[in-house]
Amino acid sequence: MNNVAHKSRRREETEAPKLKRKEYEQKLRKLYIELVKIQEWVKKEGKKGMPL
């Protein structure tokens, strides 16, 4: 098997199934809300750096 075909096949095996637009936007909104919560906590606590 050539290298290009192998990389393409491996990418297909690890990719999540495509989301419908509405589902994508719902998940994105939830993640954004969590990000804002973390940002507020970091500001309140006076933390520096990026939370992991």
C-alpha atoms as a PDB file:
ATOM      1  CA  MET A   1       0.000   0.000   0.000  1.00  0.00           C
ATOM      2  CA  ASN A   2       1.418   3.386  -0.872  1.00  0.00           C
ATOM      3  CA  ASN A   3       1.912   6.071   1.771  1.00  0.00           C
ATOM      4  CA  VAL A   4      -0.832   8.423   0.501  1.00  0.00           C
ATOM      5  CA  ALA A   5      -3.489   5.697   0.538  1.00  0.00           C
ATOM      6  CA  HIS A   6      -2.395   4.615   4.018  1.00  0.00           C
ATOM      7  CA  LYS A   7      -2.682   8.166   5.440  1.00  0.00           C
ATOM      8  CA  SER A   8      -6.081   8.639   3.824  1.00  0.00           C
ATOM      9  CA  ARG A   9      -7.376   5.347   5.203  1.00  0.00           C
ATOM     10  CA  ARG A  10      -6.071   6.085   8.688  1.00  0.00           C
ATOM     11  CA  ARG A  11      -7.739   9.534   8.640  1.00  0.00           C
ATOM     12  CA  GLU A  12     -11.068   7.920   7.707  1.00  0.00           C
ATOM     13  CA  GLU A  13     -10.771   5.509  10.621  1.00  0.00           C
ATOM     14  CA  THR A  14     -10.194   8.271  13.187  1.00  0.00           C
ATOM     15  CA  GLU A  15     -12.631  10.925  11.928  1.00  0.00           C
ATOM     16  CA  ALA A  16     -15.924  11.372  13.736  1.00  0.00           C
ATOM     17  CA  PRO A  17     -19.056  11.182  11.599  1.00  0.00           C
ATOM     18  CA  LYS A  18     -20.153  14.484  10.098  1.00  0.00           C
ATOM     19  CA  LEU A  19     -22.739  16.386  12.104  1.00  0.00           C
ATOM     20  CA  LYS A  20     -25.786  18.060  10.695  1.00  0.00           C
ATOM     21  CA  ARG A  21     -25.562  21.846  10.843  1.00  0.00           C
ATOM     22  CA  LYS A  22     -28.131  22.229  13.649  1.00  0.00           C
ATOM     23  CA  GLU A  23     -26.440  19.545  15.761  1.00  0.00           C
ATOM     24  CA  TYR A  24     -23.028  21.133  15.131  1.00  0.00           C
ATOM     25  CA  GLU A  25     -24.285  24.559  16.210  1.00  0.00           C
ATOM     26  CA  GLN A  26     -25.867  23.106  19.374  1.00  0.00           C
ATOM     27  CA  LYS A  27     -22.617  21.395  20.354  1.00  0.00           C
ATOM     28  CA  LEU A  28     -20.615  24.506  19.508  1.00  0.00           C
ATOM     29  CA  ARG A  29     -22.893  26.652  21.689  1.00  0.00           C
ATOM     30  CA  LYS A  30     -22.478  24.295  24.665  1.00  0.00           C
ATOM     31  CA  LEU A  31     -18.699  24.324  24.262  1.00  0.00           C
ATOM     32  CA  TYR A  32     -18.674  28.111  23.973  1.00  0.00           C
ATOM     33  CA  ILE A  33     -20.689  28.426  27.201  1.00  0.00           C
ATOM     34  CA  GLU A  34     -18.164  26.189  28.983  1.00  0.00           C
ATOM     35  CA  LEU A  35     -15.305  28.294  27.616  1.00  0.00           C
ATOM     36  CA  VAL A  36     -16.903  31.480  28.959  1.00  0.00           C
ATOM     37  CA  LYS A  37     -17.392  29.830  32.376  1.00  0.00           C
ATOM     38  CA  ILE A  38     -13.703  28.894  32.485  1.00  0.00           C
ATOM     39  CA  GLN A  39     -12.670  32.390  31.389  1.00  0.00           C
ATOM     40  CA  GLU A  40     -14.788  33.945  34.145  1.00  0.00           C
ATOM     41  CA  TRP A  41     -13.326  31.565  36.733  1.00  0.00           C
ATOM     42  CA  VAL A  42      -9.777  32.387  35.590  1.00  0.00           C
ATOM     43  CA  LYS A  43     -10.486  36.139  35.884  1.00  0.00           C
ATOM     44  CA  LYS A  44     -12.146  35.724  39.310  1.00  0.00           C
ATOM     45  CA  GLU A  45      -9.278  33.620  40.670  1.00  0.00           C
ATOM     46  CA  GLY A  46      -6.629  35.870  39.136  1.00  0.00           C
ATOM     47  CA  LYS A  47      -5.010  32.906  37.413  1.00  0.00           C
ATOM     48  CA  LYS A  48      -2.477  33.294  34.630  1.00  0.00           C
ATOM     49  CA  GLY A  49      -1.890  31.046  31.674  1.00  0.00           C
ATOM     50  CA  MET A  50      -4.167  28.703  29.817  1.00  0.00           C
ATOM     51  CA  PRO A  51      -6.349  26.254  31.733  1.00  0.00           C
ATOM     52  CA  LEU A  52      -6.082  22.674  30.508  1.00  0.00           C
END
